[in-house]
Amino acid sequence: MKVYIQLIILQAVLLLLFSALFVGINRKSQQHLTHVYESLEAKESLTFDQLIKLKRESIRTLALDYSYWQDMIDWIEDPQIDWVKDQFEESLNTYAADLFCIYDAGGKRLTPTLNSELAEETNRDEQLPDQLSDLILNRPQSQWFEATFEQTPQGIRELYYAPVQPQSDSNRTGKHYGYLAIARYWDQAFIQQLETLTGSTIRINDTDSATLQSAAHIAFTRHYYNYQGAPVPSLHISKALPVATELIQQETQHRTQILIAFTVGGICLLAFIHHTISRPLRTLSTAMETGDNHTLDAMTHSKSEFTHLSNLIVENTKQKKQLQAEIENRLKFEAELLTAKTRVEQANRAKAQFLANISHETRTPLHTISGFTDLLSESPLDDDQRTTLKHIQENADHLVKMLSDII
């Protein structure tokens, strides 16, 4: 794999690392925001619980105080309605109670259902029961001073059926001499008071209240149960959080700044790598492949780390061209030598053929002369003839020897 391709891959990996780092920072920021949001939600939920407990405490205090009273026990033994009106004339309004009545130990109602004005409640559907059920009479001790909730045509109401006990029973675990019933409606006025007190928006049994939750709001639900353990009212609370809104805006700005910083930094880093490493290496690679040193002119006059390398490549290219020229000259010289050798060999063969022909054409007459001189020497000759024949024979032999030496 070529180096500049590896650099491109490296740039892509760096870009992925930058992206992963940004995602990690963004996730960390989101987790921090979620933690802060959950902390605010827990704090607001706790504050709401404390405030609504304080708001509900009034009728609970009324139920506890007036059921822990010897005079109440004496009245149950001899009930007189005028005494009730005298004792509770101011209490019901003071403690924000809407309905009130007293029962004997068997759960039979001794007074009419009285409203906050101590007038008899005429709406039959809103009246408290004439006889308490066994569920109320036999409920566990943990529920003696706890409220129950019920749905009526007028709305949801909170009720206390507090057992009447003497002041001598300090632990309030003894006999029940009767029951004091105190009720309050969770109507629109009560909910508005809660909203004003808590600074939130409250919906009762509203299944669409989940849509109230958003990034700038917290939303939670509180259930309140009757003696059977069934939730009767469900309060869906939503509260605006200006602090959360500001925090979200700050976090969004921070994430945007981080994204811009990472983007600019990544682009600058990639441009730097491309300008200082990738492009010079590609230029060097192209010059080495093509042998064109003109692309290296700018690099050889620069002061970068690639100047020495480019000079080496230029020098190497020159040496390569010189070597190629020497190889071409040598090949040309070898071709000429081969041609000369071929010509010499052809000349030698022609010479040998010529000498062979000369030898054959010359030796044959000489051998003929030698043969005839030998025959003549055996015939009767005088001295002059024999001397002449001898000269002929010697000269013929001399010519044969000379020809042999030449060839």
Protein backbone atom coordinates (compact mmCIF):
# COMPACT_ATOMS: atom_id res chain seq x y z
CA MET A 1 0.00 0.00 0.00
CA LYS A 2 1.33 3.43 -0.94
CA VAL A 3 2.37 5.77 1.82
CA TYR A 4 0.02 8.59 0.89
CA ILE A 5 -2.90 6.12 0.88
CA GLN A 6 -1.87 5.09 4.39
CA LEU A 7 -1.85 8.78 5.32
CA ILE A 8 -5.36 9.17 3.94
CA ILE A 9 -6.44 6.21 6.07
CA LEU A 10 -4.67 7.81 9.04
CA GLN A 11 -6.57 11.04 8.45
CA ALA A 12 -9.85 9.13 8.33
CA VAL A 13 -8.94 7.34 11.57
CA LEU A 14 -8.09 10.67 13.22
CA LEU A 15 -11.42 12.07 12.06
CA LEU A 16 -13.20 9.06 13.55
CA LEU A 17 -11.26 9.50 16.80
CA PHE A 18 -12.27 13.15 16.93
CA SER A 19 -15.87 12.15 16.32
CA ALA A 20 -15.72 9.46 19.01
CA LEU A 21 -14.15 11.92 21.45
CA PHE A 22 -16.86 14.46 20.76
CA VAL A 23 -19.57 11.82 21.17
CA GLY A 24 -17.96 10.78 24.48
CA ILE A 25 -17.85 14.38 25.72
CA ASN A 26 -21.41 14.93 24.54
CA ARG A 27 -22.56 11.77 26.33
CA LYS A 28 -20.72 12.80 29.49
CA SER A 29 -22.35 16.21 29.32
CA GLN A 30 -25.74 14.61 28.76
CA GLN A 31 -25.20 12.31 31.73
CA HIS A 32 -24.25 15.30 33.87
CA LEU A 33 -27.34 17.15 32.68
CA THR A 34 -29.50 14.11 33.41
CA HIS A 35 -27.98 13.82 36.88
CA VAL A 36 -28.62 17.51 37.58
CA TYR A 37 -32.16 17.17 36.22
CA GLU A 38 -32.82 14.11 38.40
CA SER A 39 -31.40 15.93 41.43
CA LEU A 40 -33.68 18.90 40.76
CA GLU A 41 -36.61 16.56 40.25
CA ALA A 42 -35.89 14.76 43.53
CA LYS A 43 -35.52 18.07 45.34
CA GLU A 44 -38.73 19.48 43.89
CA SER A 45 -40.57 16.22 44.62
CA LEU A 46 -39.42 16.30 48.23
CA THR A 47 -40.41 19.95 48.55
CA PHE A 48 -43.82 19.19 47.09
CA ASP A 49 -44.32 16.27 49.49
CA GLN A 50 -43.40 18.44 52.46
CA LEU A 51 -45.68 21.28 51.38
CA ILE A 52 -48.69 19.07 50.69
CA LYS A 53 -48.07 17.30 53.99
CA LEU A 54 -48.13 20.69 55.68
CA LYS A 55 -51.30 21.60 53.80
CA ARG A 56 -53.00 18.36 54.83
CA GLU A 57 -51.80 18.61 58.40
CA SER A 58 -54.61 20.99 59.45
CA ILE A 59 -57.53 18.55 59.36
CA ARG A 60 -55.30 15.77 60.69
CA THR A 61 -54.46 17.96 63.65
CA LEU A 62 -58.19 18.67 64.12
CA ALA A 63 -58.95 14.94 64.02
CA LEU A 64 -56.15 14.07 66.46
CA ASP A 65 -56.79 16.86 68.96
CA TYR A 66 -60.58 16.64 69.20
CA SER A 67 -60.59 12.83 69.34
CA TYR A 68 -58.15 12.89 72.26
CA TRP A 69 -60.56 14.49 74.68
CA GLN A 70 -62.44 13.32 77.74
CA ASP A 71 -65.25 15.81 77.10
CA MET A 72 -65.84 14.12 73.76
CA ILE A 73 -66.22 10.77 75.51
CA ASP A 74 -68.66 12.31 77.96
CA TRP A 75 -70.63 13.81 75.08
CA ILE A 76 -70.85 10.46 73.28
CA GLU A 77 -72.49 9.04 76.41
CA ASP A 78 -75.02 11.92 76.39
CA PRO A 79 -75.04 13.52 72.92
CA GLN A 80 -76.34 17.09 72.64
CA ILE A 81 -76.09 18.88 69.29
CA ASP A 82 -75.80 22.32 70.88
CA TRP A 83 -72.57 21.30 72.61
CA VAL A 84 -71.13 20.22 69.28
CA LYS A 85 -71.94 23.55 67.66
CA ASP A 86 -70.46 25.45 70.57
CA GLN A 87 -67.23 23.48 70.55
CA PHE A 88 -66.72 23.30 66.79
CA GLU A 89 -68.08 26.68 65.73
CA GLU A 90 -64.67 28.14 64.95
CA SER A 91 -62.62 24.97 64.58
CA LEU A 92 -63.92 23.76 61.25
CA ASN A 93 -63.11 27.00 59.43
CA THR A 94 -59.82 27.38 61.27
CA TYR A 95 -58.67 23.90 60.24
CA ALA A 96 -60.22 24.10 56.75
CA ALA A 97 -62.53 21.12 57.25
CA ASP A 98 -65.53 20.75 54.93
CA LEU A 99 -67.54 17.98 56.66
CA PHE A 100 -67.79 16.72 60.21
CA CYS A 101 -69.70 14.18 62.31
CA ILE A 102 -69.32 11.98 65.40
CA TYR A 103 -69.93 8.22 65.76
CA ASP A 104 -70.33 6.07 68.83
CA ALA A 105 -68.14 3.05 69.62
CA GLY A 106 -70.27 0.80 67.43
CA GLY A 107 -69.89 3.08 64.44
CA LYS A 108 -73.38 4.60 64.55
CA ARG A 109 -73.57 8.23 63.56
CA LEU A 110 -74.61 10.48 66.44
CA THR A 111 -74.71 13.80 64.60
CA PRO A 112 -75.84 14.84 61.17
CA THR A 113 -73.18 15.42 58.56
CA LEU A 114 -72.25 19.03 59.26
CA ASN A 115 -70.44 21.35 56.88
CA SER A 116 -67.93 24.03 57.74
CA GLU A 117 -70.77 26.33 58.75
CA LEU A 118 -72.12 23.61 61.12
CA ALA A 119 -75.17 23.34 58.90
CA GLU A 120 -76.50 19.93 57.99
CA GLU A 121 -75.37 18.64 54.60
CA THR A 122 -78.56 18.10 52.63
CA ASN A 123 -77.00 16.36 49.61
CA ARG A 124 -77.48 12.72 50.37
CA ASP A 125 -74.61 11.67 48.12
CA GLU A 126 -72.20 13.85 50.05
CA GLN A 127 -73.33 12.84 53.55
CA LEU A 128 -71.05 10.64 55.63
CA PRO A 129 -72.32 7.10 56.22
CA ASP A 130 -74.93 6.46 58.92
CA GLN A 131 -73.04 3.37 59.99
CA LEU A 132 -69.29 2.81 59.72
CA SER A 133 -68.27 -0.33 57.90
CA ASP A 134 -66.35 -3.18 59.50
CA LEU A 135 -63.38 -2.19 57.30
CA ILE A 136 -63.17 1.13 59.18
CA LEU A 137 -64.02 -0.25 62.62
CA ASN A 138 -61.55 -3.13 62.38
CA ARG A 139 -58.78 -1.44 60.48
CA PRO A 140 -55.21 -2.03 61.76
CA GLN A 141 -53.71 0.33 64.32
CA SER A 142 -51.37 1.79 61.68
CA GLN A 143 -54.45 3.27 59.94
CA TRP A 144 -56.16 4.72 63.04
CA PHE A 145 -54.83 8.19 62.39
CA GLU A 146 -54.28 7.94 58.65
CA ALA A 147 -56.56 9.42 56.01
CA THR A 148 -58.61 7.54 53.49
CA PHE A 149 -59.83 8.90 50.17
CA GLU A 150 -63.07 8.37 48.31
CA GLN A 151 -64.68 9.60 45.12
CA THR A 152 -68.00 11.43 45.43
CA PRO A 153 -70.16 13.30 42.91
CA GLN A 154 -68.74 16.55 44.24
CA GLY A 155 -65.19 15.29 43.88
CA ILE A 156 -62.47 13.55 45.81
CA ARG A 157 -62.47 13.98 49.55
CA GLU A 158 -59.95 13.18 52.24
CA LEU A 159 -61.37 11.65 55.45
CA TYR A 160 -60.09 10.89 58.90
CA TYR A 161 -62.00 8.43 61.10
CA ALA A 162 -60.05 9.11 64.28
CA PRO A 163 -60.86 6.92 67.31
CA VAL A 164 -62.03 8.88 70.35
CA GLN A 165 -59.85 8.08 73.35
CA PRO A 166 -59.30 9.59 76.79
CA GLN A 167 -56.37 11.81 77.60
CA SER A 168 -55.17 9.23 80.07
CA ASP A 169 -54.35 6.93 77.10
CA SER A 170 -51.12 8.73 76.17
CA ASN A 171 -50.06 6.06 73.63
CA ARG A 172 -53.52 5.98 72.08
CA THR A 173 -53.60 2.24 71.87
CA GLY A 174 -56.59 1.59 74.10
CA LYS A 175 -60.36 1.32 73.76
CA HIS A 176 -62.28 3.28 71.14
CA TYR A 177 -65.16 5.20 72.73
CA GLY A 178 -66.32 6.54 69.41
CA TYR A 179 -65.07 8.03 66.18
CA LEU A 180 -64.59 11.56 64.96
CA ALA A 181 -65.01 11.94 61.19
CA ILE A 182 -63.38 14.93 59.50
CA ALA A 183 -63.46 15.42 55.70
CA ARG A 184 -62.08 17.90 53.22
CA TYR A 185 -62.71 18.10 49.48
CA TRP A 186 -59.81 18.21 47.07
CA ASP A 187 -61.73 20.53 44.81
CA GLN A 188 -60.52 23.14 42.35
CA ALA A 189 -60.01 25.70 45.09
CA PHE A 190 -57.87 23.29 47.10
CA ILE A 191 -55.80 22.38 44.03
CA GLN A 192 -55.30 26.07 43.23
CA GLN A 193 -54.04 26.63 46.76
CA LEU A 194 -51.61 23.75 46.29
CA GLU A 195 -50.46 25.17 42.97
CA THR A 196 -49.89 28.58 44.53
CA LEU A 197 -48.09 27.04 47.49
CA THR A 198 -45.83 24.77 45.40
CA GLY A 199 -45.47 26.90 42.26
CA SER A 200 -46.48 23.98 40.06
CA THR A 201 -49.29 22.83 37.78
CA ILE A 202 -51.41 20.03 39.23
CA ARG A 203 -53.90 17.77 37.48
CA ILE A 204 -56.05 15.18 39.26
CA ASN A 205 -56.41 11.78 37.59
CA ASP A 206 -55.31 13.27 34.26
CA THR A 207 -53.87 10.51 32.07
CA ASP A 208 -52.55 13.08 29.56
CA SER A 209 -50.42 14.88 32.12
CA ALA A 210 -47.32 12.97 31.05
CA THR A 211 -47.11 15.36 28.11
CA LEU A 212 -46.33 18.16 30.55
CA GLN A 213 -42.81 16.87 31.04
CA SER A 214 -40.13 18.44 28.91
CA ALA A 215 -36.51 19.47 29.13
CA ALA A 216 -37.51 22.67 30.99
CA HIS A 217 -40.07 21.01 33.26
CA ILE A 218 -40.17 18.23 35.76
CA ALA A 219 -43.19 16.00 36.04
CA PHE A 220 -44.04 13.39 38.62
CA THR A 221 -47.08 11.68 40.06
CA ARG A 222 -48.30 11.17 43.60
CA HIS A 223 -50.93 8.58 44.53
CA TYR A 224 -53.12 8.67 47.65
CA TYR A 225 -54.85 5.51 48.79
CA ASN A 226 -57.98 4.42 50.59
CA TYR A 227 -58.04 1.89 53.38
CA GLN A 228 -58.19 -0.97 50.84
CA GLY A 229 -54.86 0.19 49.36
CA ALA A 230 -56.36 1.38 46.07
CA PRO A 231 -55.21 4.76 44.70
CA VAL A 232 -58.15 7.15 44.56
CA PRO A 233 -56.63 10.51 43.66
CA SER A 234 -53.53 10.66 41.52
CA LEU A 235 -51.90 14.05 41.37
CA HIS A 236 -49.87 14.73 38.23
CA ILE A 237 -47.49 17.56 39.01
CA SER A 238 -45.54 19.60 36.49
CA LYS A 239 -43.24 22.45 37.41
CA ALA A 240 -41.17 24.77 35.28
CA LEU A 241 -37.47 24.84 36.06
CA PRO A 242 -35.83 28.10 34.98
CA VAL A 243 -32.56 26.80 36.39
CA ALA A 244 -32.83 23.68 34.23
CA THR A 245 -33.68 25.80 31.18
CA GLU A 246 -30.62 27.97 31.75
CA LEU A 247 -28.50 24.90 32.40
CA ILE A 248 -29.74 23.25 29.21
CA GLN A 249 -28.94 26.39 27.23
CA GLN A 250 -25.46 26.52 28.74
CA GLU A 251 -24.86 22.84 28.03
CA THR A 252 -26.12 23.30 24.48
CA GLN A 253 -23.78 26.25 23.98
CA HIS A 254 -20.88 24.30 25.46
CA ARG A 255 -21.57 21.31 23.21
CA THR A 256 -21.86 23.62 20.20
CA GLN A 257 -18.57 25.30 21.09
CA ILE A 258 -16.90 21.94 21.60
CA LEU A 259 -18.28 20.69 18.27
CA ILE A 260 -17.03 23.81 16.47
CA ALA A 261 -13.64 23.55 18.20
CA PHE A 262 -13.28 19.86 17.31
CA THR A 263 -14.44 20.48 13.74
CA VAL A 264 -12.04 23.38 13.21
CA GLY A 265 -9.23 21.54 14.96
CA GLY A 266 -9.83 18.39 12.93
CA ILE A 267 -9.94 20.31 9.65
CA CYS A 268 -6.77 22.21 10.55
CA LEU A 269 -5.00 19.00 11.55
CA LEU A 270 -6.06 17.20 8.38
CA ALA A 271 -5.04 20.21 6.27
CA PHE A 272 -1.69 20.37 8.07
CA ILE A 273 -1.04 16.65 7.52
CA HIS A 274 -2.08 16.95 3.88
CA HIS A 275 0.08 20.04 3.26
CA THR A 276 3.19 18.97 5.16
CA ILE A 277 3.20 15.19 4.69
CA SER A 278 0.65 13.73 2.32
CA ARG A 279 1.10 16.07 -0.65
CA PRO A 280 4.95 16.12 -0.49
CA LEU A 281 5.05 12.34 -0.27
CA ARG A 282 2.71 12.01 -3.21
CA THR A 283 4.88 14.46 -5.18
CA LEU A 284 7.99 12.43 -4.31
CA SER A 285 6.24 9.19 -5.24
CA THR A 286 5.10 10.62 -8.60
CA ALA A 287 8.61 11.93 -9.32
CA MET A 288 10.17 8.53 -8.56
CA GLU A 289 7.63 6.73 -10.75
CA THR A 290 7.82 9.07 -13.75
CA GLY A 291 11.39 10.33 -13.38
CA ASP A 292 10.19 13.90 -13.95
CA ASN A 293 12.23 16.12 -11.62
CA HIS A 294 10.43 19.32 -12.59
CA THR A 295 7.75 18.58 -9.99
CA LEU A 296 10.47 18.70 -7.33
CA ASP A 297 11.80 22.16 -8.21
CA ALA A 298 9.74 23.93 -5.56
CA MET A 299 10.56 21.30 -2.95
CA THR A 300 14.32 21.36 -3.53
CA HIS A 301 14.40 25.09 -2.77
CA SER A 302 12.23 24.85 0.35
CA LYS A 303 13.38 24.36 3.92
CA SER A 304 11.15 21.44 4.77
CA GLU A 305 12.20 17.99 5.95
CA PHE A 306 11.60 16.66 2.44
CA THR A 307 14.27 18.90 0.81
CA HIS A 308 17.10 16.44 1.40
CA LEU A 309 14.94 13.57 0.21
CA SER A 310 13.97 15.44 -2.94
CA ASN A 311 17.65 16.24 -3.63
CA LEU A 312 18.48 12.56 -3.26
CA ILE A 313 15.68 11.67 -5.66
CA VAL A 314 16.96 14.26 -8.18
CA GLU A 315 20.51 12.92 -7.85
CA ASN A 316 19.26 9.37 -8.12
CA THR A 317 17.32 10.25 -11.26
CA LYS A 318 20.44 11.79 -12.83
CA GLN A 319 22.54 8.75 -11.96
CA LYS A 320 19.81 6.51 -13.30
CA LYS A 321 19.80 8.40 -16.60
CA GLN A 322 23.63 8.22 -16.78
CA LEU A 323 23.53 4.51 -16.05
CA GLN A 324 20.88 4.01 -18.72
CA ALA A 325 23.07 5.96 -21.20
CA GLU A 326 26.11 3.83 -20.33
CA ILE A 327 24.08 0.67 -20.69
CA GLU A 328 22.81 1.84 -24.08
CA ASN A 329 26.41 2.67 -25.23
CA ARG A 330 27.65 -0.67 -23.98
CA LEU A 331 24.87 -2.50 -25.77
CA LYS A 332 25.66 -0.54 -28.94
CA PHE A 333 29.39 -1.34 -28.60
CA GLU A 334 28.60 -5.01 -28.01
CA ALA A 335 26.43 -5.02 -31.11
CA GLU A 336 29.27 -3.50 -33.13
CA LEU A 337 31.74 -6.04 -31.72
CA LEU A 338 29.37 -8.83 -32.64
CA THR A 339 29.09 -7.44 -36.17
CA ALA A 340 32.91 -7.17 -36.49
CA LYS A 341 33.32 -10.67 -35.13
CA THR A 342 30.86 -11.97 -37.69
CA ARG A 343 32.72 -10.21 -40.47
CA VAL A 344 36.10 -11.56 -39.29
CA GLU A 345 34.70 -15.05 -39.11
CA GLN A 346 33.31 -14.69 -42.61
CA ALA A 347 36.72 -13.39 -43.83
CA ASN A 348 38.51 -16.30 -42.15
CA ARG A 349 36.17 -18.77 -43.76
CA ALA A 350 36.71 -17.12 -47.15
CA LYS A 351 40.45 -17.16 -46.58
CA ALA A 352 40.41 -20.84 -45.60
CA GLN A 353 38.29 -21.68 -48.62
CA PHE A 354 40.63 -19.68 -50.83
CA LEU A 355 43.73 -21.36 -49.43
CA ALA A 356 42.11 -24.75 -49.72
CA ASN A 357 41.33 -24.05 -53.33
CA ILE A 358 44.84 -22.70 -53.97
CA SER A 359 46.38 -25.68 -52.24
CA HIS A 360 44.36 -28.11 -54.30
CA GLU A 361 44.95 -26.31 -57.59
CA THR A 362 48.68 -25.88 -56.95
CA ARG A 363 49.58 -29.23 -55.43
CA THR A 364 48.01 -31.25 -58.22
CA PRO A 365 50.38 -29.93 -60.98
CA LEU A 366 53.36 -30.09 -58.64
CA HIS A 367 52.63 -33.70 -57.77
CA THR A 368 52.28 -34.42 -61.47
CA ILE A 369 55.67 -32.84 -62.15
CA SER A 370 57.22 -34.83 -59.28
CA GLY A 371 55.67 -38.01 -60.54
CA PHE A 372 56.89 -37.56 -64.10
CA THR A 373 60.40 -36.60 -62.94
CA ASP A 374 60.52 -39.82 -60.94
CA LEU A 375 59.52 -41.80 -64.01
CA LEU A 376 62.09 -39.99 -66.17
CA SER A 377 64.82 -40.63 -63.62
CA GLU A 378 64.34 -44.37 -64.11
CA SER A 379 64.82 -44.11 -67.89
CA PRO A 380 68.33 -44.04 -69.58
CA LEU A 381 69.44 -40.43 -69.60
CA ASP A 382 72.78 -38.74 -70.22
CA ASP A 383 74.42 -36.67 -67.57
CA ASP A 384 73.03 -33.32 -68.72
CA GLN A 385 69.54 -34.65 -68.91
CA ARG A 386 69.86 -36.25 -65.48
CA THR A 387 71.20 -32.99 -64.00
CA THR A 388 68.32 -31.01 -65.52
CA LEU A 389 65.81 -33.55 -64.27
CA LYS A 390 67.31 -33.33 -60.79
CA HIS A 391 66.91 -29.53 -60.81
CA ILE A 392 63.31 -29.93 -61.88
CA GLN A 393 62.62 -32.41 -59.11
CA GLU A 394 64.28 -30.26 -56.41
CA ASN A 395 62.39 -27.17 -57.49
CA ALA A 396 59.12 -29.10 -57.48
CA ASP A 397 59.78 -30.39 -53.95
CA HIS A 398 60.75 -26.89 -52.84
CA LEU A 399 57.48 -25.48 -54.20
CA VAL A 400 55.48 -28.19 -52.41
CA LYS A 401 57.23 -27.45 -49.10
CA MET A 402 56.78 -23.66 -49.57
CA LEU A 403 53.06 -24.19 -50.29
CA SER A 404 52.70 -26.33 -47.20
CA ASP A 405 54.38 -23.63 -45.09
CA ILE A 406 52.09 -20.92 -46.48
CA ILE A 407 48.92 -22.88 -45.99
